[in-house]
């Protein structure tokens, strides 16, 4: 058996694994908090950072916030803000 040669499909499998690795950020972090101000009021806040993807997709930082009020036990009214630091961001690059 020659250890210097690769069997069929090995190069394709290696390319597929490399593609998966290139489409995954090296670093990700998130912080989330939820506080009940009273039985009727809640505040939630989240912050998420995702590292760049091989210089094709830039890193990004997003924040989400929620203020909720429950006038009744079965009714909730909420003011929600998403992607507060920017209107949009790319999460993956297009296929070549």
N, C-alpha and C. Protein backbone atom coordinates (compact mmCIF):
# COMPACT_ATOMS: atom_id res chain seq x y z
N UNK A 1 0.85 -1.18 0.00
CA UNK A 1 0.00 0.00 0.00
C UNK A 1 0.89 1.24 0.00
N UNK A 2 0.63 2.14 -0.91
CA UNK A 2 1.41 3.37 -1.02
C UNK A 2 0.74 4.46 -0.21
N UNK A 3 1.38 4.91 0.88
CA UNK A 3 0.79 5.92 1.74
C UNK A 3 0.86 7.32 1.14
N UNK A 4 1.62 7.49 0.05
CA UNK A 4 1.74 8.79 -0.58
C UNK A 4 0.59 9.11 -1.52
N UNK A 5 -0.24 8.13 -1.86
CA UNK A 5 -1.37 8.39 -2.76
C UNK A 5 -2.66 8.44 -1.97
N UNK A 6 -3.59 9.16 -2.49
CA UNK A 6 -4.88 9.30 -1.82
C UNK A 6 -5.92 8.48 -2.57
N UNK A 7 -6.84 7.92 -1.84
CA UNK A 7 -7.90 7.13 -2.44
C UNK A 7 -8.93 8.02 -3.12
N UNK A 8 -9.86 7.41 -3.85
CA UNK A 8 -10.88 8.18 -4.53
C UNK A 8 -11.75 8.96 -3.55
N UNK A 9 -12.06 10.19 -3.91
CA UNK A 9 -12.94 11.01 -3.09
C UNK A 9 -12.24 11.76 -1.97
N UNK A 10 -11.00 11.42 -1.69
CA UNK A 10 -10.30 12.04 -0.58
C UNK A 10 -10.09 13.54 -0.81
N UNK A 11 -9.67 13.92 -2.00
CA UNK A 11 -9.45 15.34 -2.31
C UNK A 11 -10.78 16.11 -2.22
N UNK A 12 -11.85 15.52 -2.71
CA UNK A 12 -13.17 16.16 -2.64
C UNK A 12 -13.65 16.31 -1.20
N UNK A 13 -13.39 15.30 -0.39
CA UNK A 13 -13.78 15.38 1.01
C UNK A 13 -12.98 16.46 1.73
N UNK A 14 -11.68 16.55 1.40
CA UNK A 14 -10.84 17.57 2.02
C UNK A 14 -11.32 18.97 1.60
N UNK A 15 -11.67 19.13 0.33
CA UNK A 15 -12.19 20.42 -0.14
C UNK A 15 -13.50 20.78 0.56
N UNK A 16 -14.37 19.80 0.76
CA UNK A 16 -15.64 20.05 1.44
C UNK A 16 -15.41 20.47 2.89
N UNK A 17 -14.49 19.79 3.57
CA UNK A 17 -14.17 20.15 4.95
C UNK A 17 -13.56 21.54 5.03
N UNK A 18 -12.68 21.87 4.08
CA UNK A 18 -12.07 23.20 4.05
C UNK A 18 -13.13 24.26 3.82
N UNK A 19 -14.10 23.97 2.96
CA UNK A 19 -15.18 24.92 2.69
C UNK A 19 -16.01 25.18 3.95
N UNK A 20 -16.29 24.12 4.71
CA UNK A 20 -17.05 24.27 5.96
C UNK A 20 -16.26 25.12 6.95
N UNK A 21 -14.96 24.85 7.07
CA UNK A 21 -14.13 25.62 7.99
C UNK A 21 -14.07 27.09 7.59
N UNK A 22 -14.00 27.37 6.29
CA UNK A 22 -13.92 28.75 5.81
C UNK A 22 -15.23 29.50 5.99
N UNK A 23 -16.33 28.79 6.17
CA UNK A 23 -17.64 29.42 6.35
C UNK A 23 -18.07 29.47 7.80
N UNK A 24 -17.14 29.22 8.71
CA UNK A 24 -17.42 29.28 10.14
C UNK A 24 -16.52 30.33 10.77
N UNK A 25 -17.09 31.25 11.54
CA UNK A 25 -16.24 32.26 12.18
C UNK A 25 -15.35 31.63 13.25
N UNK A 26 -14.16 32.18 13.39
CA UNK A 26 -13.24 31.66 14.39
C UNK A 26 -13.70 32.01 15.80
N UNK A 27 -14.28 33.21 15.98
CA UNK A 27 -14.73 33.65 17.29
C UNK A 27 -16.17 34.13 17.24
N UNK A 28 -16.93 33.78 18.26
CA UNK A 28 -18.29 34.27 18.45
C UNK A 28 -18.50 34.48 19.95
N UNK A 29 -19.25 35.50 20.28
CA UNK A 29 -19.56 35.75 21.69
C UNK A 29 -20.94 36.38 21.78
N UNK A 30 -21.65 36.07 22.84
CA UNK A 30 -22.95 36.70 23.06
C UNK A 30 -23.21 36.85 24.55
N UNK A 31 -23.91 37.92 24.86
CA UNK A 31 -24.30 38.22 26.23
C UNK A 31 -25.77 38.58 26.20
N UNK A 32 -26.52 38.05 27.14
CA UNK A 32 -27.95 38.32 27.19
C UNK A 32 -28.37 38.53 28.63
N UNK A 33 -29.27 39.47 28.85
CA UNK A 33 -29.78 39.69 30.19
C UNK A 33 -31.28 39.93 30.11
N UNK A 34 -31.97 39.53 31.13
CA UNK A 34 -33.41 39.75 31.24
C UNK A 34 -33.71 40.15 32.68
N UNK A 35 -34.44 41.26 32.83
CA UNK A 35 -34.73 41.78 34.16
C UNK A 35 -36.23 42.03 34.28
N UNK A 36 -36.82 41.54 35.36
CA UNK A 36 -38.21 41.86 35.68
C UNK A 36 -38.18 43.07 36.60
N UNK A 37 -38.65 44.19 36.07
CA UNK A 37 -38.67 45.42 36.87
C UNK A 37 -39.79 45.40 37.90
N UNK A 38 -40.86 44.71 37.54
CA UNK A 38 -42.02 44.54 38.41
C UNK A 38 -42.81 43.37 37.83
N UNK A 39 -43.90 42.98 38.46
CA UNK A 39 -44.70 41.89 37.87
C UNK A 39 -45.23 42.22 36.48
N UNK A 40 -45.29 43.49 36.12
CA UNK A 40 -45.85 43.89 34.82
C UNK A 40 -44.82 44.37 33.81
N UNK A 41 -43.60 44.67 34.24
CA UNK A 41 -42.59 45.22 33.34
C UNK A 41 -41.36 44.34 33.26
N UNK A 42 -40.85 44.13 32.03
CA UNK A 42 -39.62 43.36 31.79
C UNK A 42 -38.74 44.11 30.80
N UNK A 43 -37.43 43.97 30.97
CA UNK A 43 -36.46 44.52 30.03
C UNK A 43 -35.47 43.41 29.68
N UNK A 44 -35.22 43.23 28.39
CA UNK A 44 -34.23 42.26 27.91
C UNK A 44 -33.23 43.00 27.04
N UNK A 45 -31.98 42.57 27.09
CA UNK A 45 -30.95 43.14 26.23
C UNK A 45 -29.99 42.05 25.82
N UNK A 46 -29.59 42.06 24.54
CA UNK A 46 -28.65 41.07 24.05
C UNK A 46 -27.60 41.73 23.16
N UNK A 47 -26.39 41.22 23.23
CA UNK A 47 -25.28 41.72 22.44
C UNK A 47 -24.59 40.50 21.85
N UNK A 48 -24.29 40.55 20.53
CA UNK A 48 -23.68 39.40 19.86
C UNK A 48 -22.59 39.87 18.92
N UNK A 49 -21.41 39.22 19.01
CA UNK A 49 -20.28 39.49 18.13
C UNK A 49 -19.97 38.23 17.34
N UNK A 50 -19.73 38.40 16.02
CA UNK A 50 -19.34 37.29 15.16
C UNK A 50 -18.13 37.73 14.36
N UNK A 51 -17.08 36.92 14.37
CA UNK A 51 -15.83 37.21 13.70
C UNK A 51 -15.99 37.14 12.18
N UNK A 52 -15.04 37.72 11.45
CA UNK A 52 -15.06 37.73 9.98
C UNK A 52 -14.88 36.32 9.43
N UNK A 53 -15.33 36.12 8.19
CA UNK A 53 -15.17 34.86 7.49
C UNK A 53 -14.16 35.03 6.36
N UNK A 54 -12.94 34.60 6.57
CA UNK A 54 -11.92 34.56 5.51
C UNK A 54 -11.90 35.81 4.64
N UNK A 55 -12.05 36.97 5.22
CA UNK A 55 -12.02 38.25 4.51
C UNK A 55 -13.13 38.42 3.48
N UNK A 56 -14.11 37.52 3.46
CA UNK A 56 -15.23 37.65 2.52
C UNK A 56 -16.44 38.28 3.19
N UNK A 57 -16.60 38.04 4.46
CA UNK A 57 -17.70 38.63 5.22
C UNK A 57 -17.09 39.31 6.44
N UNK A 58 -17.30 40.61 6.60
CA UNK A 58 -16.69 41.31 7.74
C UNK A 58 -17.33 40.89 9.07
N UNK A 59 -16.59 41.08 10.14
CA UNK A 59 -17.13 40.81 11.47
C UNK A 59 -18.25 41.80 11.76
N UNK A 60 -19.11 41.45 12.71
CA UNK A 60 -20.19 42.36 13.06
C UNK A 60 -20.57 42.22 14.53
N UNK A 61 -21.17 43.29 15.03
CA UNK A 61 -21.65 43.37 16.40
C UNK A 61 -23.09 43.86 16.32
N UNK A 62 -24.00 43.12 16.92
CA UNK A 62 -25.41 43.53 16.90
C UNK A 62 -25.96 43.55 18.32
N UNK A 63 -26.94 44.39 18.51
CA UNK A 63 -27.61 44.48 19.81
C UNK A 63 -29.11 44.39 19.59
N UNK A 64 -29.79 43.73 20.49
CA UNK A 64 -31.24 43.62 20.49
C UNK A 64 -31.75 44.05 21.87
N UNK A 65 -32.90 44.69 21.89
CA UNK A 65 -33.48 45.13 23.16
C UNK A 65 -35.00 44.93 23.12
N UNK A 66 -35.58 44.72 24.29
CA UNK A 66 -37.03 44.52 24.41
C UNK A 66 -37.51 45.12 25.72
N UNK A 67 -38.59 45.89 25.63
CA UNK A 67 -39.27 46.42 26.80
C UNK A 67 -40.70 45.92 26.72
N UNK A 68 -41.14 45.18 27.73
CA UNK A 68 -42.47 44.57 27.70
C UNK A 68 -43.29 44.99 28.91
N UNK A 69 -44.58 45.16 28.65
CA UNK A 69 -45.54 45.53 29.69
C UNK A 69 -46.72 44.57 29.61
N UNK A 70 -47.13 44.05 30.75
CA UNK A 70 -48.27 43.13 30.82
C UNK A 70 -49.41 43.79 31.60
N UNK A 71 -50.35 44.41 30.88
CA UNK A 71 -51.49 45.01 31.57
C UNK A 71 -52.41 43.95 32.16
N UNK A 72 -52.43 42.77 31.55
CA UNK A 72 -53.20 41.61 32.03
C UNK A 72 -52.27 40.40 32.00
N UNK A 73 -52.59 39.37 32.71
CA UNK A 73 -51.73 38.18 32.72
C UNK A 73 -51.69 37.48 31.36
N UNK A 74 -52.71 37.68 30.54
CA UNK A 74 -52.76 37.02 29.24
C UNK A 74 -52.44 37.96 28.08
N UNK A 75 -52.01 39.19 28.37
CA UNK A 75 -51.73 40.17 27.33
C UNK A 75 -50.37 40.82 27.59
N UNK A 76 -49.52 40.84 26.55
CA UNK A 76 -48.22 41.51 26.66
C UNK A 76 -48.06 42.46 25.49
N UNK A 77 -47.63 43.67 25.78
CA UNK A 77 -47.29 44.65 24.75
C UNK A 77 -45.80 44.89 24.86
N UNK A 78 -45.09 44.81 23.73
CA UNK A 78 -43.64 44.92 23.77
C UNK A 78 -43.12 45.85 22.69
N UNK A 79 -42.09 46.58 23.04
CA UNK A 79 -41.35 47.41 22.11
C UNK A 79 -40.00 46.71 21.92
N UNK A 80 -39.70 46.32 20.66
CA UNK A 80 -38.52 45.51 20.38
C UNK A 80 -37.65 46.22 19.36
N UNK A 81 -36.36 46.26 19.63
CA UNK A 81 -35.39 46.79 18.67
C UNK A 81 -34.38 45.71 18.35
N UNK A 82 -34.16 45.47 17.05
CA UNK A 82 -33.20 44.45 16.62
C UNK A 82 -32.15 45.09 15.71
N UNK A 83 -30.95 44.54 15.73
CA UNK A 83 -29.85 45.06 14.93
C UNK A 83 -29.67 46.56 15.18
N UNK A 84 -29.57 46.95 16.43
CA UNK A 84 -29.56 48.36 16.80
C UNK A 84 -28.30 49.10 16.35
N UNK A 85 -27.20 48.41 16.10
CA UNK A 85 -25.97 49.10 15.70
C UNK A 85 -25.89 49.34 14.21
N UNK A 86 -26.63 48.59 13.43
CA UNK A 86 -26.62 48.76 11.97
C UNK A 86 -27.89 48.17 11.38
N UNK A 87 -28.26 48.67 10.23
CA UNK A 87 -29.51 48.23 9.60
C UNK A 87 -29.44 46.79 9.10
N UNK A 88 -28.27 46.37 8.60
CA UNK A 88 -28.12 45.00 8.09
C UNK A 88 -26.65 44.59 8.16
N UNK A 89 -26.42 43.29 8.01
CA UNK A 89 -25.08 42.75 7.94
C UNK A 89 -25.13 41.43 7.19
N UNK A 90 -24.01 41.06 6.59
CA UNK A 90 -23.92 39.78 5.89
C UNK A 90 -23.52 38.70 6.89
N UNK A 91 -24.13 37.53 6.74
CA UNK A 91 -23.78 36.41 7.61
C UNK A 91 -23.05 35.31 6.84
N UNK A 92 -23.12 35.34 5.50
CA UNK A 92 -22.36 34.41 4.70
C UNK A 92 -22.12 35.01 3.34
N UNK A 93 -21.06 34.55 2.66
CA UNK A 93 -20.73 35.05 1.34
C UNK A 93 -21.53 34.28 0.30
N UNK A 94 -21.74 34.89 -0.87
CA UNK A 94 -22.43 34.21 -1.97
C UNK A 94 -21.57 33.12 -2.55
N UNK A 95 -22.18 32.17 -3.20
CA UNK A 95 -21.45 31.06 -3.81
C UNK A 95 -20.80 31.53 -5.11
N UNK A 96 -19.57 31.10 -5.34
CA UNK A 96 -18.86 31.46 -6.58
C UNK A 96 -19.30 30.60 -7.73
